[in-house]
Amino acid sequence: GISWSADFHEGTAAFGHSGGTLGFTAYMYWL
């Protein structure tokens, strides 16, 4: 239920999740 991205910002990885549906876009991450 959580994603991990190796290079989220300038080489720093992050955990979290994004979301998209009718009418909305959302991002929630921690480095």
PDB file of all heavy atoms in Angstrom:
ATOM      1  N   GLY A   1       0.791  -1.228   0.000  1.00  0.00           N
ATOM      2  CA  GLY A   1       0.000   0.000   0.000  1.00  0.00           C
ATOM      3  C   GLY A   1       0.821   1.274   0.000  1.00  0.00           C
ATOM      4  O   GLY A   1       0.259   2.359   0.132  1.00  0.00           O
ATOM      5  N   ILE A   2       2.119   1.173  -0.164  1.00  0.00           N
ATOM      6  CA  ILE A   2       3.004   2.343  -0.184  1.00  0.00           C
ATOM      7  C   ILE A   2       4.000   2.168  -1.323  1.00  0.00           C
ATOM      8  O   ILE A   2       4.543   1.079  -1.528  1.00  0.00           O
ATOM      9  CB  ILE A   2       3.773   2.479   1.156  1.00  0.00           C
ATOM     10  CG1 ILE A   2       2.838   2.993   2.255  1.00  0.00           C
ATOM     11  CG2 ILE A   2       4.968   3.421   1.027  1.00  0.00           C
ATOM     12  CD1 ILE A   2       2.442   4.447   2.127  1.00  0.00           C
ATOM     13  N   SER A   3       4.260   3.251  -2.044  1.00  0.00           N
ATOM     14  CA  SER A   3       5.259   3.194  -3.108  1.00  0.00           C
ATOM     15  C   SER A   3       6.577   3.798  -2.626  1.00  0.00           C
ATOM     16  O   SER A   3       6.608   4.578  -1.668  1.00  0.00           O
ATOM     17  CB  SER A   3       4.772   3.940  -4.351  1.00  0.00           C
ATOM     18  OG  SER A   3       4.690   5.333  -4.107  1.00  0.00           O
ATOM     19  N   TRP A   4       7.653   3.419  -3.294  1.00  0.00           N
ATOM     20  CA  TRP A   4       8.987   3.958  -3.010  1.00  0.00           C
ATOM     21  C   TRP A   4       9.624   4.359  -4.325  1.00  0.00           C
ATOM     22  O   TRP A   4       9.594   3.577  -5.299  1.00  0.00           O
ATOM     23  CB  TRP A   4       9.844   2.911  -2.297  1.00  0.00           C
ATOM     24  CG  TRP A   4      11.282   3.309  -2.076  1.00  0.00           C
ATOM     25  CD1 TRP A   4      11.789   4.018  -1.035  1.00  0.00           C
ATOM     26  CD2 TRP A   4      12.396   2.998  -2.936  1.00  0.00           C
ATOM     27  NE1 TRP A   4      13.153   4.184  -1.177  1.00  0.00           N
ATOM     28  CE2 TRP A   4      13.547   3.558  -2.342  1.00  0.00           C
ATOM     29  CE3 TRP A   4      12.526   2.301  -4.134  1.00  0.00           C
ATOM     30  CZ2 TRP A   4      14.814   3.438  -2.916  1.00  0.00           C
ATOM     31  CZ3 TRP A   4      13.779   2.185  -4.718  1.00  0.00           C
ATOM     32  CH2 TRP A   4      14.914   2.752  -4.108  1.00  0.00           C
ATOM     33  N   SER A   5      10.161   5.583  -4.382  1.00  0.00           N
ATOM     34  CA  SER A   5      10.821   6.088  -5.586  1.00  0.00           C
ATOM     35  C   SER A   5      12.267   6.404  -5.271  1.00  0.00           C
ATOM     36  O   SER A   5      12.561   7.114  -4.295  1.00  0.00           O
ATOM     37  CB  SER A   5      10.124   7.357  -6.097  1.00  0.00           C
ATOM     38  OG  SER A   5       8.767   7.100  -6.371  1.00  0.00           O
ATOM     39  N   ALA A   6      13.187   5.889  -6.087  1.00  0.00           N
ATOM     40  CA  ALA A   6      14.619   6.012  -5.790  1.00  0.00           C
ATOM     41  C   ALA A   6      15.109   7.453  -5.892  1.00  0.00           C
ATOM     42  O   ALA A   6      15.921   7.900  -5.093  1.00  0.00           O
ATOM     43  CB  ALA A   6      15.416   5.112  -6.728  1.00  0.00           C
ATOM     44  N   ASP A   7      14.653   8.190  -6.905  1.00  0.00           N
ATOM     45  CA  ASP A   7      15.149   9.560  -7.113  1.00  0.00           C
ATOM     46  C   ASP A   7      13.955  10.503  -7.135  1.00  0.00           C
ATOM     47  O   ASP A   7      13.547  11.001  -8.173  1.00  0.00           O
ATOM     48  CB  ASP A   7      15.930   9.632  -8.427  1.00  0.00           C
ATOM     49  CG  ASP A   7      16.594  10.995  -8.626  1.00  0.00           C
ATOM     50  OD1 ASP A   7      16.585  11.810  -7.682  1.00  0.00           O
ATOM     51  OD2 ASP A   7      17.105  11.250  -9.735  1.00  0.00           O
ATOM     52  N   PHE A   8      13.447  10.763  -5.974  1.00  0.00           N
ATOM     53  CA  PHE A   8      12.281  11.626  -5.862  1.00  0.00           C
ATOM     54  C   PHE A   8      12.671  13.092  -6.032  1.00  0.00           C
ATOM     55  O   PHE A   8      11.992  13.851  -6.716  1.00  0.00           O
ATOM     56  CB  PHE A   8      11.614  11.415  -4.506  1.00  0.00           C
ATOM     57  CG  PHE A   8      10.336  12.164  -4.316  1.00  0.00           C
ATOM     58  CD1 PHE A   8       9.170  11.720  -4.920  1.00  0.00           C
ATOM     59  CD2 PHE A   8      10.288  13.297  -3.513  1.00  0.00           C
ATOM     60  CE1 PHE A   8       7.976  12.407  -4.743  1.00  0.00           C
ATOM     61  CE2 PHE A   8       9.102  13.984  -3.333  1.00  0.00           C
ATOM     62  CZ  PHE A   8       7.939  13.540  -3.953  1.00  0.00           C
ATOM     63  N   HIS A   9      13.787  13.466  -5.395  1.00  0.00           N
ATOM     64  CA  HIS A   9      14.266  14.844  -5.505  1.00  0.00           C
ATOM     65  C   HIS A   9      15.776  14.881  -5.308  1.00  0.00           C
ATOM     66  O   HIS A   9      16.278  14.557  -4.230  1.00  0.00           O
ATOM     67  CB  HIS A   9      13.592  15.746  -4.467  1.00  0.00           C
ATOM     68  CG  HIS A   9      14.106  17.155  -4.485  1.00  0.00           C
ATOM     69  ND1 HIS A   9      13.852  18.017  -5.525  1.00  0.00           N
ATOM     70  CD2 HIS A   9      14.859  17.845  -3.594  1.00  0.00           C
ATOM     71  CE1 HIS A   9      14.422  19.184  -5.275  1.00  0.00           C
ATOM     72  NE2 HIS A   9      15.037  19.104  -4.123  1.00  0.00           N
ATOM     73  N   GLU A  10      16.477  15.233  -6.370  1.00  0.00           N
ATOM     74  CA  GLU A  10      17.931  15.411  -6.331  1.00  0.00           C
ATOM     75  C   GLU A  10      18.640  14.240  -5.657  1.00  0.00           C
ATOM     76  O   GLU A  10      19.491  14.421  -4.787  1.00  0.00           O
ATOM     77  CB  GLU A  10      18.279  16.728  -5.641  1.00  0.00           C
ATOM     78  CG  GLU A  10      17.766  17.945  -6.405  1.00  0.00           C
ATOM     79  CD  GLU A  10      18.181  19.263  -5.779  1.00  0.00           C
ATOM     80  OE1 GLU A  10      18.694  19.244  -4.623  1.00  0.00           O
ATOM     81  OE2 GLU A  10      18.003  20.306  -6.425  1.00  0.00           O
ATOM     82  N   GLY A  11      18.266  13.031  -6.056  1.00  0.00           N
ATOM     83  CA  GLY A  11      18.926  11.833  -5.567  1.00  0.00           C
ATOM     84  C   GLY A  11      18.382  11.277  -4.268  1.00  0.00           C
ATOM     85  O   GLY A  11      18.821  10.216  -3.824  1.00  0.00           O
ATOM     86  N   THR A  12      17.438  11.979  -3.644  1.00  0.00           N
ATOM     87  CA  THR A  12      16.838  11.493  -2.403  1.00  0.00           C
ATOM     88  C   THR A  12      15.585  10.680  -2.718  1.00  0.00           C
ATOM     89  O   THR A  12      14.741  11.113  -3.501  1.00  0.00           O
ATOM     90  CB  THR A  12      16.468  12.663  -1.477  1.00  0.00           C
ATOM     91  OG1 THR A  12      17.645  13.404  -1.169  1.00  0.00           O
ATOM     92  CG2 THR A  12      15.852  12.151  -0.180  1.00  0.00           C
ATOM     93  N   ALA A  13      15.468   9.513  -2.108  1.00  0.00           N
ATOM     94  CA  ALA A  13      14.307   8.658  -2.310  1.00  0.00           C
ATOM     95  C   ALA A  13      13.139   9.128  -1.450  1.00  0.00           C
ATOM     96  O   ALA A  13      13.314   9.916  -0.512  1.00  0.00           O
ATOM     97  CB  ALA A  13      14.656   7.215  -1.984  1.00  0.00           C
ATOM     98  N   ALA A  14      11.944   8.628  -1.770  1.00  0.00           N
ATOM     99  CA  ALA A  14      10.760   8.997  -0.995  1.00  0.00           C
ATOM    100  C   ALA A  14       9.765   7.847  -0.967  1.00  0.00           C
ATOM    101  O   ALA A  14       9.694   7.036  -1.886  1.00  0.00           O
ATOM    102  CB  ALA A  14      10.089  10.241  -1.574  1.00  0.00           C
ATOM    103  N   PHE A  15       9.009   7.796   0.125  1.00  0.00           N
ATOM    104  CA  PHE A  15       7.882   6.880   0.272  1.00  0.00           C
ATOM    105  C   PHE A  15       6.598   7.697   0.178  1.00  0.00           C
ATOM    106  O   PHE A  15       6.568   8.876   0.535  1.00  0.00           O
ATOM    107  CB  PHE A  15       7.903   6.189   1.631  1.00  0.00           C
ATOM    108  CG  PHE A  15       9.009   5.195   1.823  1.00  0.00           C
ATOM    109  CD1 PHE A  15      10.208   5.581   2.414  1.00  0.00           C
ATOM    110  CD2 PHE A  15       8.852   3.881   1.416  1.00  0.00           C
ATOM    111  CE1 PHE A  15      11.224   4.658   2.610  1.00  0.00           C
ATOM    112  CE2 PHE A  15       9.861   2.950   1.612  1.00  0.00           C
ATOM    113  CZ  PHE A  15      11.051   3.336   2.213  1.00  0.00           C
ATOM    114  N   GLY A  16       5.514   7.046  -0.233  1.00  0.00           N
ATOM    115  CA  GLY A  16       4.239   7.728  -0.222  1.00  0.00           C
ATOM    116  C   GLY A  16       3.291   7.192  -1.254  1.00  0.00           C
ATOM    117  O   GLY A  16       3.358   6.034  -1.649  1.00  0.00           O
ATOM    118  N   HIS A  17       2.399   8.065  -1.717  1.00  0.00           N
ATOM    119  CA  HIS A  17       1.406   7.659  -2.708  1.00  0.00           C
ATOM    120  C   HIS A  17       0.866   8.898  -3.393  1.00  0.00           C
ATOM    121  O   HIS A  17       0.789   9.974  -2.798  1.00  0.00           O
ATOM    122  CB  HIS A  17       0.252   6.903  -2.048  1.00  0.00           C
ATOM    123  CG  HIS A  17      -0.276   5.763  -2.862  1.00  0.00           C
ATOM    124  ND1 HIS A  17      -0.904   5.938  -4.076  1.00  0.00           N
ATOM    125  CD2 HIS A  17      -0.262   4.427  -2.639  1.00  0.00           C
ATOM    126  CE1 HIS A  17      -1.262   4.752  -4.557  1.00  0.00           C
ATOM    127  NE2 HIS A  17      -0.884   3.814  -3.711  1.00  0.00           N
ATOM    128  N   SER A  18       0.468   8.728  -4.656  1.00  0.00           N
ATOM    129  CA  SER A  18      -0.252   9.775  -5.370  1.00  0.00           C
ATOM    130  C   SER A  18      -1.660   9.279  -5.648  1.00  0.00           C
ATOM    131  O   SER A  18      -1.984   8.112  -5.405  1.00  0.00           O
ATOM    132  CB  SER A  18       0.463  10.126  -6.678  1.00  0.00           C
ATOM    133  OG  SER A  18       0.525   8.988  -7.529  1.00  0.00           O
ATOM    134  N   GLY A  19      -2.499  10.160  -6.147  1.00  0.00           N
ATOM    135  CA  GLY A  19      -3.862   9.764  -6.448  1.00  0.00           C
ATOM    136  C   GLY A  19      -4.453  10.621  -7.547  1.00  0.00           C
ATOM    137  O   GLY A  19      -4.188  11.818  -7.629  1.00  0.00           O
ATOM    138  N   GLY A  20      -5.233   9.992  -8.407  1.00  0.00           N
ATOM    139  CA  GLY A  20      -5.916  10.732  -9.452  1.00  0.00           C
ATOM    140  C   GLY A  20      -7.250  10.087  -9.755  1.00  0.00           C
ATOM    141  O   GLY A  20      -7.344   8.865  -9.878  1.00  0.00           O
ATOM    142  N   THR A  21      -8.278  10.903  -9.859  1.00  0.00           N
ATOM    143  CA  THR A  21      -9.609  10.394 -10.187  1.00  0.00           C
ATOM    144  C   THR A  21     -10.387  11.513 -10.860  1.00  0.00           C
ATOM    145  O   THR A  21      -9.811  12.557 -11.206  1.00  0.00           O
ATOM    146  CB  THR A  21     -10.321   9.870  -8.928  1.00  0.00           C
ATOM    147  OG1 THR A  21     -11.540   9.229  -9.310  1.00  0.00           O
ATOM    148  CG2 THR A  21     -10.592  10.978  -7.938  1.00  0.00           C
ATOM    149  N   LEU A  22     -11.670  11.292 -11.078  1.00  0.00           N
ATOM    150  CA  LEU A  22     -12.481  12.318 -11.703  1.00  0.00           C
ATOM    151  C   LEU A  22     -12.450  13.580 -10.837  1.00  0.00           C
ATOM    152  O   LEU A  22     -12.898  13.575  -9.690  1.00  0.00           O
ATOM    153  CB  LEU A  22     -13.922  11.829 -11.848  1.00  0.00           C
ATOM    154  CG  LEU A  22     -14.890  12.814 -12.510  1.00  0.00           C
ATOM    155  CD1 LEU A  22     -14.574  12.952 -13.999  1.00  0.00           C
ATOM    156  CD2 LEU A  22     -16.336  12.373 -12.323  1.00  0.00           C
ATOM    157  N   GLY A  23     -11.866  14.650 -11.377  1.00  0.00           N
ATOM    158  CA  GLY A  23     -11.894  15.939 -10.696  1.00  0.00           C
ATOM    159  C   GLY A  23     -10.794  16.218  -9.700  1.00  0.00           C
ATOM    160  O   GLY A  23     -10.741  17.313  -9.136  1.00  0.00           O
ATOM    161  N   PHE A  24      -9.868  15.272  -9.467  1.00  0.00           N
ATOM    162  CA  PHE A  24      -8.879  15.490  -8.408  1.00  0.00           C
ATOM    163  C   PHE A  24      -7.522  14.865  -8.751  1.00  0.00           C
ATOM    164  O   PHE A  24      -7.454  13.833  -9.415  1.00  0.00           O
ATOM    165  CB  PHE A  24      -9.366  14.878  -7.090  1.00  0.00           C
ATOM    166  CG  PHE A  24     -10.571  15.549  -6.513  1.00  0.00           C
ATOM    167  CD1 PHE A  24     -11.823  14.936  -6.566  1.00  0.00           C
ATOM    168  CD2 PHE A  24     -10.480  16.807  -5.932  1.00  0.00           C
ATOM    169  CE1 PHE A  24     -12.948  15.547  -6.046  1.00  0.00           C
ATOM    170  CE2 PHE A  24     -11.607  17.430  -5.406  1.00  0.00           C
ATOM    171  CZ  PHE A  24     -12.838  16.801  -5.459  1.00  0.00           C
ATOM    172  N   THR A  25      -6.464  15.501  -8.211  1.00  0.00           N
ATOM    173  CA  THR A  25      -5.110  14.964  -8.249  1.00  0.00           C
ATOM    174  C   THR A  25      -4.473  15.226  -6.891  1.00  0.00           C
ATOM    175  O   THR A  25      -4.659  16.311  -6.322  1.00  0.00           O
ATOM    176  CB  THR A  25      -4.265  15.635  -9.352  1.00  0.00           C
ATOM    177  OG1 THR A  25      -4.985  15.575 -10.597  1.00  0.00           O
ATOM    178  CG2 THR A  25      -2.913  14.943  -9.503  1.00  0.00           C
ATOM    179  N   ALA A  26      -3.743  14.250  -6.364  1.00  0.00           N
ATOM    180  CA  ALA A  26      -3.197  14.389  -5.010  1.00  0.00           C
ATOM    181  C   ALA A  26      -1.825  13.738  -4.911  1.00  0.00           C
ATOM    182  O   ALA A  26      -1.536  12.744  -5.592  1.00  0.00           O
ATOM    183  CB  ALA A  26      -4.147  13.748  -3.999  1.00  0.00           C
ATOM    184  N   TYR A  27      -0.990  14.303  -4.031  1.00  0.00           N
ATOM    185  CA  TYR A  27       0.349  13.758  -3.754  1.00  0.00           C
ATOM    186  C   TYR A  27       0.589  13.785  -2.248  1.00  0.00           C
ATOM    187  O   TYR A  27       0.300  14.787  -1.587  1.00  0.00           O
ATOM    188  CB  TYR A  27       1.436  14.586  -4.443  1.00  0.00           C
ATOM    189  CG  TYR A  27       1.323  14.643  -5.944  1.00  0.00           C
ATOM    190  CD1 TYR A  27       0.569  15.638  -6.562  1.00  0.00           C
ATOM    191  CD2 TYR A  27       1.972  13.711  -6.756  1.00  0.00           C
ATOM    192  CE1 TYR A  27       0.453  15.704  -7.942  1.00  0.00           C
ATOM    193  CE2 TYR A  27       1.860  13.767  -8.135  1.00  0.00           C
ATOM    194  CZ  TYR A  27       1.108  14.767  -8.721  1.00  0.00           C
ATOM    195  OH  TYR A  27       0.994  14.821 -10.097  1.00  0.00           O
ATOM    196  N   MET A  28       1.154  12.696  -1.715  1.00  0.00           N
ATOM    197  CA  MET A  28       1.516  12.605  -0.292  1.00  0.00           C
ATOM    198  C   MET A  28       2.805  11.793  -0.190  1.00  0.00           C
ATOM    199  O   MET A  28       2.805  10.587  -0.446  1.00  0.00           O
ATOM    200  CB  MET A  28       0.397  11.918   0.501  1.00  0.00           C
ATOM    201  CG  MET A  28       0.707  11.734   1.999  1.00  0.00           C
ATOM    202  SD  MET A  28      -0.488  10.642   2.839  1.00  0.00           S
ATOM    203  CE  MET A  28       0.055   9.010   2.246  1.00  0.00           C
ATOM    204  N   TYR A  29       3.912  12.443   0.167  1.00  0.00           N
ATOM    205  CA  TYR A  29       5.206  11.765   0.219  1.00  0.00           C
ATOM    206  C   TYR A  29       6.029  12.243   1.398  1.00  0.00           C
ATOM    207  O   TYR A  29       5.892  13.390   1.849  1.00  0.00           O
ATOM    208  CB  TYR A  29       6.006  12.027  -1.069  1.00  0.00           C
ATOM    209  CG  TYR A  29       5.442  11.298  -2.262  1.00  0.00           C
ATOM    210  CD1 TYR A  29       4.535  11.919  -3.118  1.00  0.00           C
ATOM    211  CD2 TYR A  29       5.798   9.974  -2.537  1.00  0.00           C
ATOM    212  CE1 TYR A  29       4.005  11.249  -4.210  1.00  0.00           C
ATOM    213  CE2 TYR A  29       5.275   9.301  -3.621  1.00  0.00           C
ATOM    214  CZ  TYR A  29       4.380   9.935  -4.445  1.00  0.00           C
ATOM    215  OH  TYR A  29       3.845   9.256  -5.518  1.00  0.00           O
ATOM    216  N   TRP A  30       6.918  11.366   1.890  1.00  0.00           N
ATOM    217  CA  TRP A  30       7.947  11.784   2.830  1.00  0.00           C
ATOM    218  C   TRP A  30       9.290  11.319   2.309  1.00  0.00           C
ATOM    219  O   TRP A  30       9.431  10.249   1.730  1.00  0.00           O
ATOM    220  CB  TRP A  30       7.678  11.277   4.239  1.00  0.00           C
ATOM    221  CG  TRP A  30       7.786   9.792   4.471  1.00  0.00           C
ATOM    222  CD1 TRP A  30       8.895   9.084   4.821  1.00  0.00           C
ATOM    223  CD2 TRP A  30       6.716   8.822   4.382  1.00  0.00           C
ATOM    224  NE1 TRP A  30       8.600   7.749   4.967  1.00  0.00           N
ATOM    225  CE2 TRP A  30       7.264   7.564   4.706  1.00  0.00           C
ATOM    226  CE3 TRP A  30       5.357   8.911   4.078  1.00  0.00           C
ATOM    227  CZ2 TRP A  30       6.495   6.405   4.720  1.00  0.00           C
ATOM    228  CZ3 TRP A  30       4.597   7.752   4.088  1.00  0.00           C
ATOM    229  CH2 TRP A  30       5.175   6.521   4.410  1.00  0.00           C
ATOM    230  N   LEU A  31      10.294  12.175   2.492  1.00  0.00           N
ATOM    231  CA  LEU A  31      11.625  11.883   1.976  1.00  0.00           C
ATOM    232  C   LEU A  31      12.337  10.902   2.895  1.00  0.00           C
ATOM    233  O   LEU A  31      12.379  11.095   4.114  1.00  0.00           O
ATOM    234  CB  LEU A  31      12.439  13.166   1.821  1.00  0.00           C
ATOM    235  CG  LEU A  31      12.201  13.913   0.505  1.00  0.00           C
ATOM    236  CD1 LEU A  31      10.795  14.502   0.449  1.00  0.00           C
ATOM    237  CD2 LEU A  31      13.233  14.998   0.289  1.00  0.00           C
TER     238      LEU A  31
END
